[in-house]
């Protein structure tokens, strides 16, 4: 793989991970930041549906933190959210099994909290040989310093730090298709 090729995620090799966007975590987040990341996660979910990219949803200790927020809960579909106790998703065998079943190498990472579950998942994915794409406008932490530190550490670890729109248009690659029209409309509605 050339140094630049990892910056081009292939939609047929990509999975969208929605990590721990749960009811009892939301009140701890800055409301404006949370609305932005929720909007970007919704945008990525709709884009993934249009491009037939699988979505994997996780929940950290739902007994204590509640379930995925209502606005995003239906994306878990028939398989449901993967419950976990380990902060990093890769410490949960069901998460790793799901990725293996999907057989895709690129993981778009969204969710909360950036410096705990999101970051530890990113490290586990890279360590397991996956290409990790951290969607910076679709993750958050309670504190800005933790969020910024996550971005810095993610880059140092070898992750690609991107944005929701950049990722969507990279997955599309060309204009003029019906998919492009749908995604373009989603951008305008964001």
C-alpha atoms as a PDB file:
ATOM      1  CA  UNK A   1       0.000   0.000   0.000  1.00  0.00           C
ATOM      2  CA  UNK A   2       1.447   3.386  -0.953  1.00  0.00           C
ATOM      3  CA  UNK A   3       1.640   6.064   1.680  1.00  0.00           C
ATOM      4  CA  UNK A   4      -1.314   7.920   0.115  1.00  0.00           C
ATOM      5  CA  UNK A   5      -3.598   4.959  -0.624  1.00  0.00           C
ATOM      6  CA  UNK A   6      -4.652   4.555   3.011  1.00  0.00           C
ATOM      7  CA  UNK A   7      -6.185   8.034   2.763  1.00  0.00           C
ATOM      8  CA  UNK A   8      -8.696   6.684   0.208  1.00  0.00           C
ATOM      9  CA  UNK A   9     -11.242   4.476   1.991  1.00  0.00           C
ATOM     10  CA  UNK A  10     -12.971   2.040  -0.347  1.00  0.00           C
ATOM     11  CA  UNK A  11     -16.703   1.849   0.298  1.00  0.00           C
ATOM     12  CA  UNK A  12     -16.676  -1.905  -0.334  1.00  0.00           C
ATOM     13  CA  UNK A  13     -14.059  -2.292   2.414  1.00  0.00           C
ATOM     14  CA  UNK A  14     -15.561   0.130   4.957  1.00  0.00           C
ATOM     15  CA  UNK A  15     -17.628  -0.244   8.130  1.00  0.00           C
ATOM     16  CA  UNK A  16     -19.131   2.643  10.122  1.00  0.00           C
ATOM     17  CA  UNK A  17     -18.697   2.219  13.898  1.00  0.00           C
ATOM     18  CA  UNK A  18     -21.047   4.191  16.180  1.00  0.00           C
ATOM     19  CA  UNK A  19     -19.478   3.886  19.619  1.00  0.00           C
ATOM     20  CA  UNK A  20     -21.444   4.400  22.834  1.00  0.00           C
ATOM     21  CA  UNK A  21     -23.755   7.316  21.986  1.00  0.00           C
ATOM     22  CA  UNK A  22     -25.859   6.526  25.034  1.00  0.00           C
ATOM     23  CA  UNK A  23     -28.676   8.176  26.966  1.00  0.00           C
ATOM     24  CA  UNK A  24     -26.838   8.751  30.234  1.00  0.00           C
ATOM     25  CA  UNK A  25     -23.639  10.016  28.625  1.00  0.00           C
ATOM     26  CA  UNK A  26     -25.335  12.797  26.656  1.00  0.00           C
ATOM     27  CA  UNK A  27     -26.100  15.129  29.618  1.00  0.00           C
ATOM     28  CA  UNK A  28     -22.353  15.262  30.373  1.00  0.00           C
ATOM     29  CA  UNK A  29     -21.573  16.665  26.920  1.00  0.00           C
ATOM     30  CA  UNK A  30     -21.654  20.281  25.807  1.00  0.00           C
ATOM     31  CA  UNK A  31     -25.132  20.557  24.202  1.00  0.00           C
ATOM     32  CA  UNK A  32     -23.884  22.380  21.072  1.00  0.00           C
ATOM     33  CA  UNK A  33     -21.068  19.888  20.557  1.00  0.00           C
ATOM     34  CA  UNK A  34     -23.425  16.956  21.086  1.00  0.00           C
ATOM     35  CA  UNK A  35     -25.944  18.310  18.553  1.00  0.00           C
ATOM     36  CA  UNK A  36     -23.144  18.700  16.000  1.00  0.00           C
ATOM     37  CA  UNK A  37     -21.796  15.200  16.459  1.00  0.00           C
ATOM     38  CA  UNK A  38     -25.279  13.665  16.480  1.00  0.00           C
ATOM     39  CA  UNK A  39     -26.078  15.460  13.225  1.00  0.00           C
ATOM     40  CA  UNK A  40     -22.829  14.224  11.658  1.00  0.00           C
ATOM     41  CA  UNK A  41     -23.372  10.669  12.870  1.00  0.00           C
ATOM     42  CA  UNK A  42     -26.916  10.722  11.433  1.00  0.00           C
ATOM     43  CA  UNK A  43     -25.464  12.025   8.155  1.00  0.00           C
ATOM     44  CA  UNK A  44     -22.890   9.224   8.078  1.00  0.00           C
ATOM     45  CA  UNK A  45     -25.501   6.591   8.906  1.00  0.00           C
ATOM     46  CA  UNK A  46     -27.728   7.765   6.043  1.00  0.00           C
ATOM     47  CA  UNK A  47     -24.721   7.905   3.731  1.00  0.00           C
ATOM     48  CA  UNK A  48     -23.732   4.388   4.793  1.00  0.00           C
ATOM     49  CA  UNK A  49     -27.262   3.140   4.096  1.00  0.00           C
ATOM     50  CA  UNK A  50     -27.168   4.711   0.621  1.00  0.00           C
ATOM     51  CA  UNK A  51     -23.746   3.231  -0.157  1.00  0.00           C
ATOM     52  CA  UNK A  52     -24.571  -0.141   1.442  1.00  0.00           C
ATOM     53  CA  UNK A  53     -21.871   0.231   4.077  1.00  0.00           C
ATOM     54  CA  UNK A  54     -22.524  -1.823   7.225  1.00  0.00           C
ATOM     55  CA  UNK A  55     -22.964   0.002  10.528  1.00  0.00           C
ATOM     56  CA  UNK A  56     -21.902  -1.489  13.866  1.00  0.00           C
ATOM     57  CA  UNK A  57     -23.268   0.084  17.060  1.00  0.00           C
ATOM     58  CA  UNK A  58     -21.830  -0.468  20.532  1.00  0.00           C
ATOM     59  CA  UNK A  59     -23.020   0.301  24.052  1.00  0.00           C
ATOM     60  CA  UNK A  60     -20.760   0.591  27.085  1.00  0.00           C
ATOM     61  CA  UNK A  61     -22.349  -1.024  30.145  1.00  0.00           C
ATOM     62  CA  UNK A  62     -25.957  -0.177  29.147  1.00  0.00           C
ATOM     63  CA  UNK A  63     -27.235  -1.196  32.589  1.00  0.00           C
ATOM     64  CA  UNK A  64     -25.500   1.881  33.985  1.00  0.00           C
ATOM     65  CA  UNK A  65     -25.260   4.217  30.967  1.00  0.00           C
ATOM     66  CA  UNK A  66     -28.530   3.431  29.232  1.00  0.00           C
ATOM     67  CA  UNK A  67     -28.965   2.451  25.614  1.00  0.00           C
ATOM     68  CA  UNK A  68     -28.141   4.193  22.365  1.00  0.00           C
ATOM     69  CA  UNK A  69     -29.995   7.507  22.056  1.00  0.00           C
ATOM     70  CA  UNK A  70     -33.393   7.157  20.439  1.00  0.00           C
ATOM     71  CA  UNK A  71     -32.434   9.158  17.344  1.00  0.00           C
ATOM     72  CA  UNK A  72     -29.705   6.641  16.484  1.00  0.00           C
ATOM     73  CA  UNK A  73     -31.072   3.434  18.024  1.00  0.00           C
ATOM     74  CA  UNK A  74     -32.795   2.082  14.907  1.00  0.00           C
ATOM     75  CA  UNK A  75     -29.491   1.921  13.031  1.00  0.00           C
ATOM     76  CA  UNK A  76     -28.481  -1.132  15.072  1.00  0.00           C
ATOM     77  CA  UNK A  77     -31.116  -3.021  13.086  1.00  0.00           C
ATOM     78  CA  UNK A  78     -31.700  -6.724  13.473  1.00  0.00           C
ATOM     79  CA  UNK A  79     -28.273  -7.417  14.954  1.00  0.00           C
ATOM     80  CA  UNK A  80     -28.780  -4.871  17.743  1.00  0.00           C
ATOM     81  CA  UNK A  81     -26.111  -2.942  19.583  1.00  0.00           C
ATOM     82  CA  UNK A  82     -23.093  -4.855  20.814  1.00  0.00           C
ATOM     83  CA  UNK A  83     -22.891  -4.538  24.588  1.00  0.00           C
ATOM     84  CA  UNK A  84     -19.464  -4.275  26.146  1.00  0.00           C
ATOM     85  CA  UNK A  85     -17.656  -3.761  29.415  1.00  0.00           C
ATOM     86  CA  UNK A  86     -14.190  -3.153  27.999  1.00  0.00           C
ATOM     87  CA  UNK A  87     -13.681   0.495  27.107  1.00  0.00           C
ATOM     88  CA  UNK A  88     -12.168  -0.370  23.736  1.00  0.00           C
ATOM     89  CA  UNK A  89     -14.552  -2.209  21.430  1.00  0.00           C
ATOM     90  CA  UNK A  90     -11.781  -4.593  20.384  1.00  0.00           C
ATOM     91  CA  UNK A  91     -11.812  -6.042  23.900  1.00  0.00           C
ATOM     92  CA  UNK A  92     -15.346  -7.313  23.224  1.00  0.00           C
ATOM     93  CA  UNK A  93     -15.265 -10.641  21.313  1.00  0.00           C
ATOM     94  CA  UNK A  94     -18.683  -9.989  19.708  1.00  0.00           C
ATOM     95  CA  UNK A  95     -17.402  -6.738  18.176  1.00  0.00           C
ATOM     96  CA  UNK A  96     -14.330  -8.414  16.719  1.00  0.00           C
ATOM     97  CA  UNK A  97     -16.420 -11.344  15.496  1.00  0.00           C
ATOM     98  CA  UNK A  98     -18.786  -8.923  13.735  1.00  0.00           C
ATOM     99  CA  UNK A  99     -15.889  -7.177  11.981  1.00  0.00           C
ATOM    100  CA  UNK A 100     -14.454 -10.526  10.908  1.00  0.00           C
ATOM    101  CA  UNK A 101     -17.865 -11.569   9.532  1.00  0.00           C
ATOM    102  CA  UNK A 102     -18.047  -8.340   7.517  1.00  0.00           C
ATOM    103  CA  UNK A 103     -14.541  -8.881   6.154  1.00  0.00           C
ATOM    104  CA  UNK A 104     -13.767  -5.185   5.659  1.00  0.00           C
ATOM    105  CA  UNK A 105     -10.502  -3.397   6.466  1.00  0.00           C
ATOM    106  CA  UNK A 106     -11.529   0.256   6.908  1.00  0.00           C
ATOM    107  CA  UNK A 107     -13.392   1.413   9.998  1.00  0.00           C
ATOM    108  CA  UNK A 108     -14.949   4.896  10.190  1.00  0.00           C
ATOM    109  CA  UNK A 109     -15.054   5.718  13.890  1.00  0.00           C
ATOM    110  CA  UNK A 110     -17.684   7.936  15.538  1.00  0.00           C
ATOM    111  CA  UNK A 111     -19.036   8.230  19.068  1.00  0.00           C
ATOM    112  CA  UNK A 112     -18.182   9.147  22.617  1.00  0.00           C
ATOM    113  CA  UNK A 113     -16.198   9.606  24.713  1.00  0.00           C
ATOM    114  CA  UNK A 114     -13.342  10.403  22.378  1.00  0.00           C
ATOM    115  CA  UNK A 115     -10.550   9.975  24.911  1.00  0.00           C
ATOM    116  CA  UNK A 116     -11.820   6.729  26.420  1.00  0.00           C
ATOM    117  CA  UNK A 117     -13.877   4.228  24.394  1.00  0.00           C
ATOM    118  CA  UNK A 118     -13.304   5.844  20.999  1.00  0.00           C
ATOM    119  CA  UNK A 119      -9.533   6.188  21.435  1.00  0.00           C
ATOM    120  CA  UNK A 120      -9.052   2.735  22.928  1.00  0.00           C
ATOM    121  CA  UNK A 121     -11.095   1.251  20.075  1.00  0.00           C
ATOM    122  CA  UNK A 122      -8.951   3.095  17.550  1.00  0.00           C
ATOM    123  CA  UNK A 123      -5.768   1.675  19.091  1.00  0.00           C
ATOM    124  CA  UNK A 124      -7.224  -1.830  19.150  1.00  0.00           C
ATOM    125  CA  UNK A 125      -8.278  -1.594  15.506  1.00  0.00           C
ATOM    126  CA  UNK A 126      -4.849  -0.423  14.363  1.00  0.00           C
ATOM    127  CA  UNK A 127      -3.174  -3.105  16.475  1.00  0.00           C
ATOM    128  CA  UNK A 128      -5.470  -5.690  14.821  1.00  0.00           C
ATOM    129  CA  UNK A 129      -4.499  -4.559  11.309  1.00  0.00           C
ATOM    130  CA  UNK A 130      -7.478  -2.361  10.433  1.00  0.00           C
ATOM    131  CA  UNK A 131      -7.304   1.103   8.888  1.00  0.00           C
ATOM    132  CA  UNK A 132      -8.854   3.482  11.415  1.00  0.00           C
ATOM    133  CA  UNK A 133     -10.573   6.661  10.196  1.00  0.00           C
ATOM    134  CA  UNK A 134     -11.411   8.939  13.128  1.00  0.00           C
ATOM    135  CA  UNK A 135     -14.253  11.281  12.173  1.00  0.00           C
ATOM    136  CA  UNK A 136     -13.302  14.357  14.195  1.00  0.00           C
ATOM    137  CA  UNK A 137     -16.670  16.113  13.831  1.00  0.00           C
ATOM    138  CA  UNK A 138     -18.547  12.964  14.883  1.00  0.00           C
ATOM    139  CA  UNK A 139     -16.779  12.334  18.216  1.00  0.00           C
ATOM    140  CA  UNK A 140     -16.807  14.212  21.514  1.00  0.00           C
ATOM    141  CA  UNK A 141     -15.607  14.219  25.086  1.00  0.00           C
ATOM    142  CA  UNK A 142     -16.789  16.101  28.143  1.00  0.00           C
ATOM    143  CA  UNK A 143     -13.655  18.244  28.014  1.00  0.00           C
ATOM    144  CA  UNK A 144     -12.112  19.972  25.013  1.00  0.00           C
ATOM    145  CA  UNK A 145      -8.563  19.129  26.127  1.00  0.00           C
ATOM    146  CA  UNK A 146      -9.407  15.404  26.113  1.00  0.00           C
ATOM    147  CA  UNK A 147     -10.950  15.728  22.637  1.00  0.00           C
ATOM    148  CA  UNK A 148      -7.888  17.584  21.283  1.00  0.00           C
ATOM    149  CA  UNK A 149      -5.509  15.115  22.911  1.00  0.00           C
ATOM    150  CA  UNK A 150      -7.384  12.261  21.237  1.00  0.00           C
ATOM    151  CA  UNK A 151      -6.878  13.838  17.803  1.00  0.00           C
ATOM    152  CA  UNK A 152      -3.160  14.254  18.446  1.00  0.00           C
ATOM    153  CA  UNK A 153      -2.688  10.732  19.783  1.00  0.00           C
ATOM    154  CA  UNK A 154      -4.802   9.215  16.988  1.00  0.00           C
ATOM    155  CA  UNK A 155      -2.579  10.788  14.326  1.00  0.00           C
ATOM    156  CA  UNK A 156       0.542   9.613  16.138  1.00  0.00           C
ATOM    157  CA  UNK A 157      -0.881   6.077  16.299  1.00  0.00           C
ATOM    158  CA  UNK A 158      -1.436   6.021  12.531  1.00  0.00           C
ATOM    159  CA  UNK A 159      -5.145   6.775  12.258  1.00  0.00           C
ATOM    160  CA  UNK A 160      -6.514   8.972   9.496  1.00  0.00           C
ATOM    161  CA  UNK A 161      -8.281  11.956  11.072  1.00  0.00           C
ATOM    162  CA  UNK A 162     -11.080  13.150   8.809  1.00  0.00           C
ATOM    163  CA  UNK A 163     -14.504  14.796   8.819  1.00  0.00           C
ATOM    164  CA  UNK A 164     -17.944  13.426   8.010  1.00  0.00           C
ATOM    165  CA  UNK A 165     -18.231  15.221   4.664  1.00  0.00           C
ATOM    166  CA  UNK A 166     -14.674  14.425   3.609  1.00  0.00           C
ATOM    167  CA  UNK A 167     -15.252  10.737   4.345  1.00  0.00           C
ATOM    168  CA  UNK A 168     -18.614  10.684   2.551  1.00  0.00           C
ATOM    169  CA  UNK A 169     -17.269  12.245  -0.634  1.00  0.00           C
ATOM    170  CA  UNK A 170     -14.174  10.032  -0.574  1.00  0.00           C
ATOM    171  CA  UNK A 171     -16.429   6.992  -0.382  1.00  0.00           C
ATOM    172  CA  UNK A 172     -18.504   8.333  -3.295  1.00  0.00           C
ATOM    173  CA  UNK A 173     -15.445   9.231  -5.418  1.00  0.00           C
ATOM    174  CA  UNK A 174     -17.517  10.644  -8.358  1.00  0.00           C
ATOM    175  CA  UNK A 175     -20.442  12.966  -9.005  1.00  0.00           C
ATOM    176  CA  UNK A 176     -23.383  12.363 -11.291  1.00  0.00           C
ATOM    177  CA  UNK A 177     -24.769   9.157  -9.787  1.00  0.00           C
ATOM    178  CA  UNK A 178     -28.063   8.708  -7.972  1.00  0.00           C
ATOM    179  CA  UNK A 179     -26.025   8.061  -4.801  1.00  0.00           C
ATOM    180  CA  UNK A 180     -24.211  11.378  -5.244  1.00  0.00           C
ATOM    181  CA  UNK A 181     -27.546  13.192  -5.484  1.00  0.00           C
ATOM    182  CA  UNK A 182     -28.780  11.581  -2.268  1.00  0.00           C
ATOM    183  CA  UNK A 183     -25.571  12.336  -0.348  1.00  0.00           C
ATOM    184  CA  UNK A 184     -25.470  15.912  -1.695  1.00  0.00           C
ATOM    185  CA  UNK A 185     -29.016  16.427  -0.455  1.00  0.00           C
ATOM    186  CA  UNK A 186     -28.035  15.027   2.957  1.00  0.00           C
ATOM    187  CA  UNK A 187     -25.181  17.545   3.122  1.00  0.00           C
ATOM    188  CA  UNK A 188     -27.570  20.422   2.440  1.00  0.00           C
ATOM    189  CA  UNK A 189     -30.000  19.155   5.100  1.00  0.00           C
ATOM    190  CA  UNK A 190     -27.324  18.824   7.801  1.00  0.00           C
END
